[in-house]
Amino acid sequence: MLLEYVGMCEAVSDQLNVLLDSGVMNSEGIAYVSEIIDAFGILIDEGNAAIDYIETGEEVYLDRFDDKRNAAWDKIAYLLGLE
């Protein structure tokens, strides 16, 4: 399930990059979409850390997962104006 989650996040991020490259957005839209791409990058890192922890049982991956989970929530809250 985590592999699907990471793959979906990568696919969305890739499509958002296509949108950025299209040249159809103004600078404000470009900045916002770039922030969303950053958020997806953090979510991808979070998912990969969880996968690594499951596969190895090493605490370092659990710590990395928790760091990325907090960073992802901070970014998402910022993007949604929840702060």
PDB file of N, CA and C in Angstrom:
ATOM      1  N   MET A   1       0.821  -1.176   0.000  1.00  0.00           N
ATOM      2  CA  MET A   1       0.000   0.000   0.000  1.00  0.00           C
ATOM      3  C   MET A   1       0.877   1.256   0.000  1.00  0.00           C
ATOM      4  N   LEU A   2       1.953   1.233   0.763  1.00  0.00           N
ATOM      5  CA  LEU A   2       2.848   2.392   0.785  1.00  0.00           C
ATOM      6  C   LEU A   2       3.521   2.624  -0.567  1.00  0.00           C
ATOM      7  N   LEU A   3       3.858   1.543  -1.253  1.00  0.00           N
ATOM      8  CA  LEU A   3       4.449   1.696  -2.583  1.00  0.00           C
ATOM      9  C   LEU A   3       3.471   2.387  -3.533  1.00  0.00           C
ATOM     10  N   GLU A   4       2.192   2.052  -3.415  1.00  0.00           N
ATOM     11  CA  GLU A   4       1.171   2.713  -4.238  1.00  0.00           C
ATOM     12  C   GLU A   4       1.050   4.186  -3.876  1.00  0.00           C
ATOM     13  N   TYR A   5       1.104   4.479  -2.590  1.00  0.00           N
ATOM     14  CA  TYR A   5       1.028   5.853  -2.100  1.00  0.00           C
ATOM     15  C   TYR A   5       2.185   6.687  -2.657  1.00  0.00           C
ATOM     16  N   VAL A   6       3.388   6.142  -2.553  1.00  0.00           N
ATOM     17  CA  VAL A   6       4.565   6.851  -3.059  1.00  0.00           C
ATOM     18  C   VAL A   6       4.457   7.027  -4.572  1.00  0.00           C
ATOM     19  N   GLY A   7       4.042   5.977  -5.261  1.00  0.00           N
ATOM     20  CA  GLY A   7       3.896   6.065  -6.713  1.00  0.00           C
ATOM     21  C   GLY A   7       2.868   7.103  -7.128  1.00  0.00           C
ATOM     22  N   MET A   8       1.754   7.177  -6.411  1.00  0.00           N
ATOM     23  CA  MET A   8       0.734   8.171  -6.709  1.00  0.00           C
ATOM     24  C   MET A   8       1.265   9.583  -6.482  1.00  0.00           C
ATOM     25  N   CYS A   9       1.979   9.776  -5.381  1.00  0.00           N
ATOM     26  CA  CYS A   9       2.559  11.091  -5.099  1.00  0.00           C
ATOM     27  C   CYS A   9       3.568  11.490  -6.174  1.00  0.00           C
ATOM     28  N   GLU A  10       4.366  10.537  -6.625  1.00  0.00           N
ATOM     29  CA  GLU A  10       5.330  10.821  -7.697  1.00  0.00           C
ATOM     30  C   GLU A  10       4.616  11.185  -8.992  1.00  0.00           C
ATOM     31  N   ALA A  11       3.533  10.475  -9.307  1.00  0.00           N
ATOM     32  CA  ALA A  11       2.782  10.760 -10.534  1.00  0.00           C
ATOM     33  C   ALA A  11       2.162  12.157 -10.484  1.00  0.00           C
ATOM     34  N   VAL A  12       1.580  12.512  -9.350  1.00  0.00           N
ATOM     35  CA  VAL A  12       0.987  13.848  -9.216  1.00  0.00           C
ATOM     36  C   VAL A  12       2.069  14.915  -9.316  1.00  0.00           C
ATOM     37  N   SER A  13       3.181  14.697  -8.646  1.00  0.00           N
ATOM     38  CA  SER A  13       4.283  15.652  -8.698  1.00  0.00           C
ATOM     39  C   SER A  13       4.788  15.825 -10.136  1.00  0.00           C
ATOM     40  N   ASP A  14       4.916  14.720 -10.850  1.00  0.00           N
ATOM     41  CA  ASP A  14       5.348  14.789 -12.248  1.00  0.00           C
ATOM     42  C   ASP A  14       4.373  15.607 -13.092  1.00  0.00           C
ATOM     43  N   GLN A  15       3.081  15.402 -12.888  1.00  0.00           N
ATOM     44  CA  GLN A  15       2.082  16.140 -13.659  1.00  0.00           C
ATOM     45  C   GLN A  15       2.076  17.618 -13.291  1.00  0.00           C
ATOM     46  N   LEU A  16       2.305  17.922 -12.035  1.00  0.00           N
ATOM     47  CA  LEU A  16       2.403  19.328 -11.641  1.00  0.00           C
ATOM     48  C   LEU A  16       3.623  19.987 -12.279  1.00  0.00           C
ATOM     49  N   ASN A  17       4.704  19.240 -12.424  1.00  0.00           N
ATOM     50  CA  ASN A  17       5.876  19.772 -13.124  1.00  0.00           C
ATOM     51  C   ASN A  17       5.573  20.019 -14.597  1.00  0.00           C
ATOM     52  N   VAL A  18       4.779  19.160 -15.205  1.00  0.00           N
ATOM     53  CA  VAL A  18       4.349  19.375 -16.590  1.00  0.00           C
ATOM     54  C   VAL A  18       3.547  20.670 -16.671  1.00  0.00           C
ATOM     55  N   LEU A  19       2.666  20.877 -15.704  1.00  0.00           N
ATOM     56  CA  LEU A  19       1.886  22.114 -15.655  1.00  0.00           C
ATOM     57  C   LEU A  19       2.800  23.328 -15.539  1.00  0.00           C
ATOM     58  N   LEU A  20       3.804  23.248 -14.670  1.00  0.00           N
ATOM     59  CA  LEU A  20       4.748  24.362 -14.538  1.00  0.00           C
ATOM     60  C   LEU A  20       5.456  24.652 -15.851  1.00  0.00           C
ATOM     61  N   ASP A  21       5.842  23.590 -16.549  1.00  0.00           N
ATOM     62  CA  ASP A  21       6.583  23.747 -17.798  1.00  0.00           C
ATOM     63  C   ASP A  21       5.705  24.245 -18.948  1.00  0.00           C
ATOM     64  N   SER A  22       4.389  24.181 -18.766  1.00  0.00           N
ATOM     65  CA  SER A  22       3.480  24.555 -19.855  1.00  0.00           C
ATOM     66  C   SER A  22       3.460  26.047 -20.138  1.00  0.00           C
ATOM     67  N   GLY A  23       3.803  26.857 -19.144  1.00  0.00           N
ATOM     68  CA  GLY A  23       3.822  28.298 -19.340  1.00  0.00           C
ATOM     69  C   GLY A  23       2.451  28.953 -19.318  1.00  0.00           C
ATOM     70  N   VAL A  24       1.429  28.275 -18.804  1.00  0.00           N
ATOM     71  CA  VAL A  24       0.083  28.832 -18.818  1.00  0.00           C
ATOM     72  C   VAL A  24      -0.285  29.567 -17.531  1.00  0.00           C
ATOM     73  N   MET A  25       0.604  29.557 -16.559  1.00  0.00           N
ATOM     74  CA  MET A  25       0.281  30.180 -15.276  1.00  0.00           C
ATOM     75  C   MET A  25       1.062  31.472 -15.075  1.00  0.00           C
ATOM     76  N   ASN A  26       0.473  32.339 -14.248  1.00  0.00           N
ATOM     77  CA  ASN A  26       1.185  33.560 -13.873  1.00  0.00           C
ATOM     78  C   ASN A  26       2.170  33.238 -12.748  1.00  0.00           C
ATOM     79  N   SER A  27       2.943  34.216 -12.344  1.00  0.00           N
ATOM     80  CA  SER A  27       3.997  33.975 -11.350  1.00  0.00           C
ATOM     81  C   SER A  27       3.431  33.527 -10.007  1.00  0.00           C
ATOM     82  N   GLU A  28       2.277  34.042  -9.629  1.00  0.00           N
ATOM     83  CA  GLU A  28       1.658  33.628  -8.366  1.00  0.00           C
ATOM     84  C   GLU A  28       1.252  32.154  -8.419  1.00  0.00           C
ATOM     85  N   GLY A  29       0.673  31.734  -9.520  1.00  0.00           N
ATOM     86  CA  GLY A  29       0.298  30.329  -9.692  1.00  0.00           C
ATOM     87  C   GLY A  29       1.514  29.425  -9.709  1.00  0.00           C
ATOM     88  N   ILE A  30       2.550  29.869 -10.374  1.00  0.00           N
ATOM     89  CA  ILE A  30       3.794  29.087 -10.432  1.00  0.00           C
ATOM     90  C   ILE A  30       4.368  28.897  -9.026  1.00  0.00           C
ATOM     91  N   ALA A  31       4.367  29.966  -8.238  1.00  0.00           N
ATOM     92  CA  ALA A  31       4.901  29.875  -6.873  1.00  0.00           C
ATOM     93  C   ALA A  31       4.082  28.907  -6.029  1.00  0.00           C
ATOM     94  N   TYR A  32       2.748  28.960  -6.164  1.00  0.00           N
ATOM     95  CA  TYR A  32       1.894  28.083  -5.363  1.00  0.00           C
ATOM     96  C   TYR A  32       2.056  26.621  -5.782  1.00  0.00           C
ATOM     97  N   VAL A  33       2.082  26.366  -7.076  1.00  0.00           N
ATOM     98  CA  VAL A  33       2.256  24.994  -7.555  1.00  0.00           C
ATOM     99  C   VAL A  33       3.635  24.465  -7.155  1.00  0.00           C
ATOM    100  N   SER A  34       4.634  25.312  -7.165  1.00  0.00           N
ATOM    101  CA  SER A  34       5.968  24.896  -6.712  1.00  0.00           C
ATOM    102  C   SER A  34       5.940  24.468  -5.246  1.00  0.00           C
ATOM    103  N   GLU A  35       5.188  25.185  -4.432  1.00  0.00           N
ATOM    104  CA  GLU A  35       5.037  24.815  -3.017  1.00  0.00           C
ATOM    105  C   GLU A  35       4.328  23.470  -2.885  1.00  0.00           C
ATOM    106  N   ILE A  36       3.333  23.232  -3.725  1.00  0.00           N
ATOM    107  CA  ILE A  36       2.619  21.948  -3.701  1.00  0.00           C
ATOM    108  C   ILE A  36       3.567  20.819  -4.098  1.00  0.00           C
ATOM    109  N   ILE A  37       4.395  21.057  -5.098  1.00  0.00           N
ATOM    110  CA  ILE A  37       5.380  20.051  -5.511  1.00  0.00           C
ATOM    111  C   ILE A  37       6.337  19.759  -4.367  1.00  0.00           C
ATOM    112  N   ASP A  38       6.751  20.794  -3.651  1.00  0.00           N
ATOM    113  CA  ASP A  38       7.604  20.591  -2.473  1.00  0.00           C
ATOM    114  C   ASP A  38       6.905  19.709  -1.439  1.00  0.00           C
ATOM    115  N   ALA A  39       5.606  19.958  -1.221  1.00  0.00           N
ATOM    116  CA  ALA A  39       4.844  19.154  -0.261  1.00  0.00           C
ATOM    117  C   ALA A  39       4.803  17.694  -0.693  1.00  0.00           C
ATOM    118  N   PHE A  40       4.578  17.459  -1.978  1.00  0.00           N
ATOM    119  CA  PHE A  40       4.573  16.081  -2.462  1.00  0.00           C
ATOM    120  C   PHE A  40       5.949  15.436  -2.290  1.00  0.00           C
ATOM    121  N   GLY A  41       7.004  16.193  -2.460  1.00  0.00           N
ATOM    122  CA  GLY A  41       8.347  15.663  -2.233  1.00  0.00           C
ATOM    123  C   GLY A  41       8.529  15.191  -0.799  1.00  0.00           C
ATOM    124  N   ILE A  42       8.002  15.974   0.129  1.00  0.00           N
ATOM    125  CA  ILE A  42       8.090  15.585   1.545  1.00  0.00           C
ATOM    126  C   ILE A  42       7.254  14.332   1.795  1.00  0.00           C
ATOM    127  N   LEU A  43       6.058  14.271   1.206  1.00  0.00           N
ATOM    128  CA  LEU A  43       5.211  13.089   1.370  1.00  0.00           C
ATOM    129  C   LEU A  43       5.876  11.838   0.789  1.00  0.00           C
ATOM    130  N   ILE A  44       6.554  11.999  -0.332  1.00  0.00           N
ATOM    131  CA  ILE A  44       7.292  10.888  -0.938  1.00  0.00           C
ATOM    132  C   ILE A  44       8.399  10.423   0.005  1.00  0.00           C
ATOM    133  N   ASP A  45       9.136  11.365   0.556  1.00  0.00           N
ATOM    134  CA  ASP A  45      10.201  11.019   1.511  1.00  0.00           C
ATOM    135  C   ASP A  45       9.625  10.316   2.746  1.00  0.00           C
ATOM    136  N   GLU A  46       8.479  10.781   3.205  1.00  0.00           N
ATOM    137  CA  GLU A  46       7.815  10.168   4.355  1.00  0.00           C
ATOM    138  C   GLU A  46       7.441   8.715   4.050  1.00  0.00           C
ATOM    139  N   GLY A  47       6.835   8.502   2.891  1.00  0.00           N
ATOM    140  CA  GLY A  47       6.458   7.148   2.495  1.00  0.00           C
ATOM    141  C   GLY A  47       7.659   6.239   2.344  1.00  0.00           C
ATOM    142  N   ASN A  48       8.719   6.747   1.736  1.00  0.00           N
ATOM    143  CA  ASN A  48       9.932   5.940   1.567  1.00  0.00           C
ATOM    144  C   ASN A  48      10.574   5.605   2.911  1.00  0.00           C
ATOM    145  N   ALA A  49      10.525   6.534   3.850  1.00  0.00           N
ATOM    146  CA  ALA A  49      11.069   6.267   5.181  1.00  0.00           C
ATOM    147  C   ALA A  49      10.267   5.164   5.870  1.00  0.00           C
ATOM    148  N   ALA A  50       8.950   5.192   5.709  1.00  0.00           N
ATOM    149  CA  ALA A  50       8.113   4.140   6.301  1.00  0.00           C
ATOM    150  C   ALA A  50       8.429   2.786   5.677  1.00  0.00           C
ATOM    151  N   ILE A  51       8.588   2.763   4.363  1.00  0.00           N
ATOM    152  CA  ILE A  51       8.938   1.520   3.668  1.00  0.00           C
ATOM    153  C   ILE A  51      10.282   1.003   4.159  1.00  0.00           C
ATOM    154  N   ASP A  52      11.248   1.897   4.258  1.00  0.00           N
ATOM    155  CA  ASP A  52      12.580   1.496   4.734  1.00  0.00           C
ATOM    156  C   ASP A  52      12.525   0.939   6.153  1.00  0.00           C
ATOM    157  N   TYR A  53      11.700   1.557   7.009  1.00  0.00           N
ATOM    158  CA  TYR A  53      11.579   1.067   8.377  1.00  0.00           C
ATOM    159  C   TYR A  53      10.956  -0.331   8.402  1.00  0.00           C
ATOM    160  N   ILE A  54       9.907  -0.515   7.613  1.00  0.00           N
ATOM    161  CA  ILE A  54       9.253  -1.823   7.565  1.00  0.00           C
ATOM    162  C   ILE A  54      10.219  -2.893   7.073  1.00  0.00           C
ATOM    163  N   GLU A  55      11.019  -2.545   6.071  1.00  0.00           N
ATOM    164  CA  GLU A  55      11.941  -3.522   5.491  1.00  0.00           C
ATOM    165  C   GLU A  55      13.129  -3.829   6.389  1.00  0.00           C
ATOM    166  N   THR A  56      13.588  -2.852   7.171  1.00  0.00           N
ATOM    167  CA  THR A  56      14.822  -3.042   7.938  1.00  0.00           C
ATOM    168  C   THR A  56      14.617  -3.088   9.448  1.00  0.00           C
ATOM    169  N   GLY A  57      13.580  -2.422   9.931  1.00  0.00           N
ATOM    170  CA  GLY A  57      13.369  -2.315  11.373  1.00  0.00           C
ATOM    171  C   GLY A  57      14.320  -1.356  12.054  1.00  0.00           C
ATOM    172  N   GLU A  58      15.106  -0.606  11.271  1.00  0.00           N
ATOM    173  CA  GLU A  58      16.080   0.323  11.842  1.00  0.00           C
ATOM    174  C   GLU A  58      15.399   1.617  12.299  1.00  0.00           C
ATOM    175  N   GLU A  59      15.692   2.008  13.533  1.00  0.00           N
ATOM    176  CA  GLU A  59      15.078   3.191  14.151  1.00  0.00           C
ATOM    177  C   GLU A  59      15.323   4.478  13.368  1.00  0.00           C
ATOM    178  N   VAL A  60      16.455   4.563  12.678  1.00  0.00           N
ATOM    179  CA  VAL A  60      16.771   5.782  11.938  1.00  0.00           C
ATOM    180  C   VAL A  60      15.673   6.107  10.927  1.00  0.00           C
ATOM    181  N   TYR A  61      15.074   5.084  10.340  1.00  0.00           N
ATOM    182  CA  TYR A  61      14.004   5.308   9.366  1.00  0.00           C
ATOM    183  C   TYR A  61      12.709   5.735  10.040  1.00  0.00           C
ATOM    184  N   LEU A  62      12.481   5.241  11.235  1.00  0.00           N
ATOM    185  CA  LEU A  62      11.308   5.656  11.993  1.00  0.00           C
ATOM    186  C   LEU A  62      11.435   7.131  12.380  1.00  0.00           C
ATOM    187  N   ASP A  63      12.627   7.524  12.788  1.00  0.00           N
ATOM    188  CA  ASP A  63      12.875   8.931  13.104  1.00  0.00           C
ATOM    189  C   ASP A  63      12.708   9.804  11.863  1.00  0.00           C
ATOM    190  N   ARG A  64      13.230   9.335  10.742  1.00  0.00           N
ATOM    191  CA  ARG A  64      13.096  10.086   9.491  1.00  0.00           C
ATOM    192  C   ARG A  64      11.634  10.205   9.089  1.00  0.00           C
ATOM    193  N   PHE A  65      10.883   9.110   9.250  1.00  0.00           N
ATOM    194  CA  PHE A  65       9.456   9.135   8.950  1.00  0.00           C
ATOM    195  C   PHE A  65       8.757  10.201   9.788  1.00  0.00           C
ATOM    196  N   ASP A  66       9.041  10.228  11.077  1.00  0.00           N
ATOM    197  CA  ASP A  66       8.396  11.193  11.967  1.00  0.00           C
ATOM    198  C   ASP A  66       8.762  12.624  11.600  1.00  0.00           C
ATOM    199  N   ASP A  67      10.028  12.858  11.276  1.00  0.00           N
ATOM    200  CA  ASP A  67      10.451  14.194  10.842  1.00  0.00           C
ATOM    201  C   ASP A  67       9.709  14.622   9.579  1.00  0.00           C
ATOM    202  N   LYS A  68       9.613  13.721   8.608  1.00  0.00           N
ATOM    203  CA  LYS A  68       8.934  14.037   7.349  1.00  0.00           C
ATOM    204  C   LYS A  68       7.436  14.204   7.559  1.00  0.00           C
ATOM    205  N   ARG A  69       6.859  13.407   8.465  1.00  0.00           N
ATOM    206  CA  ARG A  69       5.434  13.533   8.770  1.00  0.00           C
ATOM    207  C   ARG A  69       5.130  14.921   9.322  1.00  0.00           C
ATOM    208  N   ASN A  70       5.954  15.376  10.248  1.00  0.00           N
ATOM    209  CA  ASN A  70       5.763  16.718  10.807  1.00  0.00           C
ATOM    210  C   ASN A  70       5.990  17.803   9.770  1.00  0.00           C
ATOM    211  N   ALA A  71       7.017  17.641   8.948  1.00  0.00           N
ATOM    212  CA  ALA A  71       7.304  18.630   7.902  1.00  0.00           C
ATOM    213  C   ALA A  71       6.175  18.682   6.878  1.00  0.00           C
ATOM    214  N   ALA A  72       5.647  17.516   6.536  1.00  0.00           N
ATOM    215  CA  ALA A  72       4.547  17.468   5.561  1.00  0.00           C
ATOM    216  C   ALA A  72       3.324  18.182   6.123  1.00  0.00           C
ATOM    217  N   TRP A  73       3.003  17.906   7.376  1.00  0.00           N
ATOM    218  CA  TRP A  73       1.838  18.573   7.964  1.00  0.00           C
ATOM    219  C   TRP A  73       2.045  20.082   8.016  1.00  0.00           C
ATOM    220  N   ASP A  74       3.223  20.532   8.382  1.00  0.00           N
ATOM    221  CA  ASP A  74       3.499  21.968   8.417  1.00  0.00           C
ATOM    222  C   ASP A  74       3.300  22.594   7.044  1.00  0.00           C
ATOM    223  N   LYS A  75       3.802  21.938   6.002  1.00  0.00           N
ATOM    224  CA  LYS A  75       3.678  22.468   4.642  1.00  0.00           C
ATOM    225  C   LYS A  75       2.223  22.470   4.193  1.00  0.00           C
ATOM    226  N   ILE A  76       1.511  21.395   4.459  1.00  0.00           N
ATOM    227  CA  ILE A  76       0.097  21.297   4.056  1.00  0.00           C
ATOM    228  C   ILE A  76      -0.734  22.337   4.803  1.00  0.00           C
ATOM    229  N   ALA A  77      -0.497  22.487   6.094  1.00  0.00           N
ATOM    230  CA  ALA A  77      -1.225  23.489   6.877  1.00  0.00           C
ATOM    231  C   ALA A  77      -0.974  24.880   6.335  1.00  0.00           C
ATOM    232  N   TYR A  78       0.267  25.164   5.960  1.00  0.00           N
ATOM    233  CA  TYR A  78       0.605  26.462   5.372  1.00  0.00           C
ATOM    234  C   TYR A  78      -0.141  26.668   4.058  1.00  0.00           C
ATOM    235  N   LEU A  79      -0.106  25.649   3.181  1.00  0.00           N
ATOM    236  CA  LEU A  79      -0.747  25.770   1.883  1.00  0.00           C
ATOM    237  C   LEU A  79      -2.260  25.956   1.992  1.00  0.00           C
ATOM    238  N   LEU A  80      -2.859  25.332   3.001  1.00  0.00           N
ATOM    239  CA  LEU A  80      -4.310  25.440   3.191  1.00  0.00           C
ATOM    240  C   LEU A  80      -4.705  26.609   4.083  1.00  0.00           C
ATOM    241  N   GLY A  81      -3.711  27.358   4.577  1.00  0.00           N
ATOM    242  CA  GLY A  81      -3.991  28.501   5.419  1.00  0.00           C
ATOM    243  C   GLY A  81      -4.516  28.129   6.796  1.00  0.00           C
ATOM    244  N   LEU A  82      -4.064  26.995   7.316  1.00  0.00           N
ATOM    245  CA  LEU A  82      -4.526  26.514   8.613  1.00  0.00           C
ATOM    246  C   LEU A  82      -3.668  27.002   9.767  1.00  0.00           C
ATOM    247  N   GLU A  83      -2.640  27.770   9.500  1.00  0.00           N
ATOM    248  CA  GLU A  83      -1.752  28.228  10.557  1.00  0.00           C
ATOM    249  C   GLU A  83      -2.289  29.477  11.209  1.00  0.00           C
TER     250      GLU A  83
END
